[in-house]
Amino acid sequence: MFGFGMPELIVILIIVLVVFGAGRLPEIGAALGKSIRNFKKASDGKEEIEIKAEKKDDPRKEG
């Protein structure tokens, strides 16, 4: 498609590992997946787009 073969993809993966670290790769993959999903929904004409931030438990709030 773009002329990327297996050696080029391996080099790109190594660069990504060095820049972001192995621990952050799942987070980056999840964010990329959500972005692609939202882009597809927007291009299909659906009006509802998911833009929710992850909520963490706040110990200061009592409910």
PDB file of N, CA and C in Angstrom:
ATOM      1  N   MET A   1       0.825  -1.185   0.000  1.00  0.00           N
ATOM      2  CA  MET A   1       0.000   0.000   0.000  1.00  0.00           C
ATOM      3  C   MET A   1       0.870   1.251   0.000  1.00  0.00           C
ATOM      4  N   PHE A   2       1.709   1.415   0.998  1.00  0.00           N
ATOM      5  CA  PHE A   2       2.605   2.565   1.061  1.00  0.00           C
ATOM      6  C   PHE A   2       4.057   2.146   0.846  1.00  0.00           C
ATOM      7  N   GLY A   3       4.269   0.921   0.488  1.00  0.00           N
ATOM      8  CA  GLY A   3       5.613   0.431   0.299  1.00  0.00           C
ATOM      9  C   GLY A   3       6.286   0.008   1.597  1.00  0.00           C
ATOM     10  N   PHE A   4       5.484  -0.198   2.655  1.00  0.00           N
ATOM     11  CA  PHE A   4       6.042  -0.658   3.918  1.00  0.00           C
ATOM     12  C   PHE A   4       6.108  -2.174   3.897  1.00  0.00           C
ATOM     13  N   GLY A   5       7.303  -2.692   4.129  1.00  0.00           N
ATOM     14  CA  GLY A   5       7.465  -4.133   4.253  1.00  0.00           C
ATOM     15  C   GLY A   5       7.644  -4.485   5.713  1.00  0.00           C
ATOM     16  N   MET A   6       7.927  -5.734   5.960  1.00  0.00           N
ATOM     17  CA  MET A   6       8.114  -6.189   7.337  1.00  0.00           C
ATOM     18  C   MET A   6       9.300  -5.504   8.017  1.00  0.00           C
ATOM     19  N   PRO A   7      10.457  -5.322   7.372  1.00  0.00           N
ATOM     20  CA  PRO A   7      11.568  -4.648   8.055  1.00  0.00           C
ATOM     21  C   PRO A   7      11.240  -3.212   8.463  1.00  0.00           C
ATOM     22  N   GLU A   8      10.518  -2.489   7.618  1.00  0.00           N
ATOM     23  CA  GLU A   8      10.154  -1.115   7.958  1.00  0.00           C
ATOM     24  C   GLU A   8       9.202  -1.067   9.140  1.00  0.00           C
ATOM     25  N   LEU A   9       8.231  -1.997   9.170  1.00  0.00           N
ATOM     26  CA  LEU A   9       7.276  -2.029  10.285  1.00  0.00           C
ATOM     27  C   LEU A   9       7.976  -2.387  11.595  1.00  0.00           C
ATOM     28  N   ILE A  10       8.958  -3.263  11.544  1.00  0.00           N
ATOM     29  CA  ILE A  10       9.710  -3.624  12.752  1.00  0.00           C
ATOM     30  C   ILE A  10      10.496  -2.428  13.264  1.00  0.00           C
ATOM     31  N   VAL A  11      11.115  -1.664  12.364  1.00  0.00           N
ATOM     32  CA  VAL A  11      11.860  -0.466  12.768  1.00  0.00           C
ATOM     33  C   VAL A  11      10.916   0.546  13.413  1.00  0.00           C
ATOM     34  N   ILE A  12       9.732   0.734  12.830  1.00  0.00           N
ATOM     35  CA  ILE A  12       8.750   1.671  13.397  1.00  0.00           C
ATOM     36  C   ILE A  12       8.312   1.208  14.779  1.00  0.00           C
ATOM     37  N   LEU A  13       8.074  -0.086  14.947  1.00  0.00           N
ATOM     38  CA  LEU A  13       7.676  -0.623  16.248  1.00  0.00           C
ATOM     39  C   LEU A  13       8.766  -0.404  17.291  1.00  0.00           C
ATOM     40  N   ILE A  14      10.023  -0.608  16.919  1.00  0.00           N
ATOM     41  CA  ILE A  14      11.142  -0.393  17.851  1.00  0.00           C
ATOM     42  C   ILE A  14      11.217   1.077  18.258  1.00  0.00           C
ATOM     43  N   ILE A  15      11.031   1.975  17.303  1.00  0.00           N
ATOM     44  CA  ILE A  15      11.062   3.411  17.622  1.00  0.00           C
ATOM     45  C   ILE A  15       9.925   3.768  18.575  1.00  0.00           C
ATOM     46  N   VAL A  16       8.726   3.241  18.337  1.00  0.00           N
ATOM     47  CA  VAL A  16       7.584   3.502  19.220  1.00  0.00           C
ATOM     48  C   VAL A  16       7.860   2.959  20.616  1.00  0.00           C
ATOM     49  N   LEU A  17       8.449   1.766  20.707  1.00  0.00           N
ATOM     50  CA  LEU A  17       8.787   1.193  22.017  1.00  0.00           C
ATOM     51  C   LEU A  17       9.780   2.070  22.770  1.00  0.00           C
ATOM     52  N   VAL A  18      10.769   2.605  22.068  1.00  0.00           N
ATOM     53  CA  VAL A  18      11.774   3.448  22.712  1.00  0.00           C
ATOM     54  C   VAL A  18      11.155   4.761  23.179  1.00  0.00           C
ATOM     55  N   VAL A  19      10.302   5.345  22.347  1.00  0.00           N
ATOM     56  CA  VAL A  19       9.728   6.649  22.684  1.00  0.00           C
ATOM     57  C   VAL A  19       8.707   6.540  23.811  1.00  0.00           C
ATOM     58  N   PHE A  20       7.783   5.584  23.721  1.00  0.00           N
ATOM     59  CA  PHE A  20       6.689   5.514  24.685  1.00  0.00           C
ATOM     60  C   PHE A  20       6.907   4.488  25.788  1.00  0.00           C
ATOM     61  N   GLY A  21       7.695   3.479  25.573  1.00  0.00           N
ATOM     62  CA  GLY A  21       7.887   2.433  26.569  1.00  0.00           C
ATOM     63  C   GLY A  21       6.839   1.349  26.423  1.00  0.00           C
ATOM     64  N   ALA A  22       7.178   0.168  26.883  1.00  0.00           N
ATOM     65  CA  ALA A  22       6.292  -0.989  26.714  1.00  0.00           C
ATOM     66  C   ALA A  22       5.031  -0.881  27.562  1.00  0.00           C
ATOM     67  N   GLY A  23       5.099  -0.198  28.683  1.00  0.00           N
ATOM     68  CA  GLY A  23       3.940  -0.085  29.574  1.00  0.00           C
ATOM     69  C   GLY A  23       2.830   0.781  29.021  1.00  0.00           C
ATOM     70  N   ARG A  24       3.161   1.734  28.171  1.00  0.00           N
ATOM     71  CA  ARG A  24       2.153   2.657  27.643  1.00  0.00           C
ATOM     72  C   ARG A  24       1.537   2.178  26.335  1.00  0.00           C
ATOM     73  N   LEU A  25       2.093   1.148  25.709  1.00  0.00           N
ATOM     74  CA  LEU A  25       1.574   0.685  24.421  1.00  0.00           C
ATOM     75  C   LEU A  25       0.105   0.267  24.467  1.00  0.00           C
ATOM     76  N   PRO A  26      -0.372  -0.449  25.498  1.00  0.00           N
ATOM     77  CA  PRO A  26      -1.799  -0.784  25.525  1.00  0.00           C
ATOM     78  C   PRO A  26      -2.699   0.449  25.597  1.00  0.00           C
ATOM     79  N   GLU A  27      -2.274   1.459  26.348  1.00  0.00           N
ATOM     80  CA  GLU A  27      -3.052   2.695  26.435  1.00  0.00           C
ATOM     81  C   GLU A  27      -3.106   3.392  25.085  1.00  0.00           C
ATOM     82  N   ILE A  28      -1.986   3.428  24.399  1.00  0.00           N
ATOM     83  CA  ILE A  28      -1.924   4.074  23.086  1.00  0.00           C
ATOM     84  C   ILE A  28      -2.790   3.311  22.089  1.00  0.00           C
ATOM     85  N   GLY A  29      -2.730   1.991  22.137  1.00  0.00           N
ATOM     86  CA  GLY A  29      -3.552   1.179  21.247  1.00  0.00           C
ATOM     87  C   GLY A  29      -5.039   1.374  21.491  1.00  0.00           C
ATOM     88  N   ALA A  30      -5.422   1.445  22.766  1.00  0.00           N
ATOM     89  CA  ALA A  30      -6.832   1.664  23.095  1.00  0.00           C
ATOM     90  C   ALA A  30      -7.294   3.036  22.621  1.00  0.00           C
ATOM     91  N   ALA A  31      -6.467   4.045  22.827  1.00  0.00           N
ATOM     92  CA  ALA A  31      -6.824   5.392  22.378  1.00  0.00           C
ATOM     93  C   ALA A  31      -6.921   5.456  20.860  1.00  0.00           C
ATOM     94  N   LEU A  32      -6.021   4.783  20.180  1.00  0.00           N
ATOM     95  CA  LEU A  32      -6.057   4.757  18.720  1.00  0.00           C
ATOM     96  C   LEU A  32      -7.313   4.038  18.225  1.00  0.00           C
ATOM     97  N   GLY A  33      -7.669   2.944  18.867  1.00  0.00           N
ATOM     98  CA  GLY A  33      -8.884   2.215  18.507  1.00  0.00           C
ATOM     99  C   GLY A  33     -10.138   3.045  18.697  1.00  0.00           C
ATOM    100  N   LYS A  34     -10.222   3.768  19.825  1.00  0.00           N
ATOM    101  CA  LYS A  34     -11.373   4.634  20.066  1.00  0.00           C
ATOM    102  C   LYS A  34     -11.431   5.758  19.039  1.00  0.00           C
ATOM    103  N   SER A  35     -10.283   6.292  18.687  1.00  0.00           N
ATOM    104  CA  SER A  35     -10.243   7.361  17.687  1.00  0.00           C
ATOM    105  C   SER A  35     -10.737   6.872  16.335  1.00  0.00           C
ATOM    106  N   ILE A  36     -10.292   5.693  15.928  1.00  0.00           N
ATOM    107  CA  ILE A  36     -10.733   5.134  14.643  1.00  0.00           C
ATOM    108  C   ILE A  36     -12.230   4.838  14.685  1.00  0.00           C
ATOM    109  N   ARG A  37     -12.706   4.300  15.800  1.00  0.00           N
ATOM    110  CA  ARG A  37     -14.134   3.990  15.937  1.00  0.00           C
ATOM    111  C   ARG A  37     -14.969   5.269  15.848  1.00  0.00           C
ATOM    112  N   ASN A  38     -14.535   6.325  16.541  1.00  0.00           N
ATOM    113  CA  ASN A  38     -15.259   7.592  16.485  1.00  0.00           C
ATOM    114  C   ASN A  38     -15.209   8.200  15.089  1.00  0.00           C
ATOM    115  N   PHE A  39     -14.089   8.068  14.410  1.00  0.00           N
ATOM    116  CA  PHE A  39     -13.980   8.578  13.048  1.00  0.00           C
ATOM    117  C   PHE A  39     -14.946   7.846  12.120  1.00  0.00           C
ATOM    118  N   LYS A  40     -15.037   6.524  12.265  1.00  0.00           N
ATOM    119  CA  LYS A  40     -15.965   5.755  11.435  1.00  0.00           C
ATOM    120  C   LYS A  40     -17.405   6.149  11.708  1.00  0.00           C
ATOM    121  N   LYS A  41     -17.761   6.339  12.995  1.00  0.00           N
ATOM    122  CA  LYS A  41     -19.119   6.769  13.332  1.00  0.00           C
ATOM    123  C   LYS A  41     -19.420   8.131  12.731  1.00  0.00           C
ATOM    124  N   ALA A  42     -18.456   9.035  12.793  1.00  0.00           N
ATOM    125  CA  ALA A  42     -18.662  10.376  12.254  1.00  0.00           C
ATOM    126  C   ALA A  42     -18.785  10.344  10.737  1.00  0.00           C
ATOM    127  N   SER A  43     -18.016   9.511  10.087  1.00  0.00           N
ATOM    128  CA  SER A  43     -18.075   9.452   8.630  1.00  0.00           C
ATOM    129  C   SER A  43     -19.328   8.730   8.142  1.00  0.00           C
ATOM    130  N   ASP A  44     -19.934   7.883   8.981  1.00  0.00           N
ATOM    131  CA  ASP A  44     -21.181   7.213   8.627  1.00  0.00           C
ATOM    132  C   ASP A  44     -22.386   8.133   8.807  1.00  0.00           C
ATOM    133  N   GLY A  45     -22.191   9.255   9.439  1.00  0.00           N
ATOM    134  CA  GLY A  45     -23.282  10.193   9.641  1.00  0.00           C
ATOM    135  C   GLY A  45     -24.001  10.009  10.961  1.00  0.00           C
ATOM    136  N   LYS A  46     -23.530   9.123  11.800  1.00  0.00           N
ATOM    137  CA  LYS A  46     -24.152   8.968  13.111  1.00  0.00           C
ATOM    138  C   LYS A  46     -23.818  10.188  13.954  1.00  0.00           C
ATOM    139  N   GLU A  47     -24.786  10.630  14.728  1.00  0.00           N
ATOM    140  CA  GLU A  47     -24.602  11.873  15.470  1.00  0.00           C
ATOM    141  C   GLU A  47     -23.982  11.665  16.846  1.00  0.00           C
ATOM    142  N   GLU A  48     -24.026  10.451  17.351  1.00  0.00           N
ATOM    143  CA  GLU A  48     -23.514  10.189  18.691  1.00  0.00           C
ATOM    144  C   GLU A  48     -22.055   9.765  18.609  1.00  0.00           C
ATOM    145  N   ILE A  49     -21.174  10.541  19.235  1.00  0.00           N
ATOM    146  CA  ILE A  49     -19.753  10.246  19.239  1.00  0.00           C
ATOM    147  C   ILE A  49     -19.307  10.124  20.695  1.00  0.00           C
ATOM    148  N   GLU A  50     -18.546   9.088  20.984  1.00  0.00           N
ATOM    149  CA  GLU A  50     -18.084   8.832  22.346  1.00  0.00           C
ATOM    150  C   GLU A  50     -16.880   9.712  22.662  1.00  0.00           C
ATOM    151  N   ILE A  51     -17.067  10.636  23.607  1.00  0.00           N
ATOM    152  CA  ILE A  51     -15.958  11.459  24.079  1.00  0.00           C
ATOM    153  C   ILE A  51     -16.015  11.499  25.602  1.00  0.00           C
ATOM    154  N   LYS A  52     -15.856  10.353  26.200  1.00  0.00           N
ATOM    155  CA  LYS A  52     -15.897  10.235  27.652  1.00  0.00           C
ATOM    156  C   LYS A  52     -14.489  10.042  28.181  1.00  0.00           C
ATOM    157  N   ALA A  53     -14.163  10.768  29.223  1.00  0.00           N
ATOM    158  CA  ALA A  53     -12.887  10.561  29.892  1.00  0.00           C
ATOM    159  C   ALA A  53     -13.073   9.467  30.938  1.00  0.00           C
ATOM    160  N   GLU A  54     -12.005   8.732  31.183  1.00  0.00           N
ATOM    161  CA  GLU A  54     -12.080   7.702  32.211  1.00  0.00           C
ATOM    162  C   GLU A  54     -12.190   8.369  33.572  1.00  0.00           C
ATOM    163  N   LYS A  55     -13.142   7.901  34.363  1.00  0.00           N
ATOM    164  CA  LYS A  55     -13.333   8.469  35.695  1.00  0.00           C
ATOM    165  C   LYS A  55     -12.667   7.560  36.712  1.00  0.00           C
ATOM    166  N   LYS A  56     -11.906   8.168  37.570  1.00  0.00           N
ATOM    167  CA  LYS A  56     -11.262   7.419  38.643  1.00  0.00           C
ATOM    168  C   LYS A  56     -11.977   7.783  39.941  1.00  0.00           C
ATOM    169  N   ASP A  57     -11.987   6.869  40.882  1.00  0.00           N
ATOM    170  CA  ASP A  57     -12.644   7.130  42.157  1.00  0.00           C
ATOM    171  C   ASP A  57     -11.939   8.257  42.885  1.00  0.00           C
ATOM    172  N   ASP A  58     -12.714   9.213  43.294  1.00  0.00           N
ATOM    173  CA  ASP A  58     -12.173  10.354  44.018  1.00  0.00           C
ATOM    174  C   ASP A  58     -12.437  10.136  45.512  1.00  0.00           C
ATOM    175  N   PRO A  59     -11.386   9.941  46.306  1.00  0.00           N
ATOM    176  CA  PRO A  59     -11.587   9.666  47.732  1.00  0.00           C
ATOM    177  C   PRO A  59     -12.180  10.861  48.474  1.00  0.00           C
ATOM    178  N   ARG A  60     -12.097  12.056  47.906  1.00  0.00           N
ATOM    179  CA  ARG A  60     -12.636  13.245  48.575  1.00  0.00           C
ATOM    180  C   ARG A  60     -14.158  13.290  48.493  1.00  0.00           C
ATOM    181  N   LYS A  61     -14.732  12.692  47.463  1.00  0.00           N
ATOM    182  CA  LYS A  61     -16.191  12.707  47.319  1.00  0.00           C
ATOM    183  C   LYS A  61     -16.804  11.636  48.207  1.00  0.00           C
ATOM    184  N   GLU A  62     -17.817  12.025  48.909  1.00  0.00           N
ATOM    185  CA  GLU A  62     -18.544  11.069  49.734  1.00  0.00           C
ATOM    186  C   GLU A  62     -19.955  10.998  49.217  1.00  0.00           C
ATOM    187  N   GLY A  63     -20.444   9.808  48.959  1.00  0.00           N
ATOM    188  CA  GLY A  63     -21.758   9.756  48.375  1.00  0.00           C
ATOM    189  C   GLY A  63     -22.554   8.704  48.922  1.00  0.00           C
TER     190      GLY A  63
END
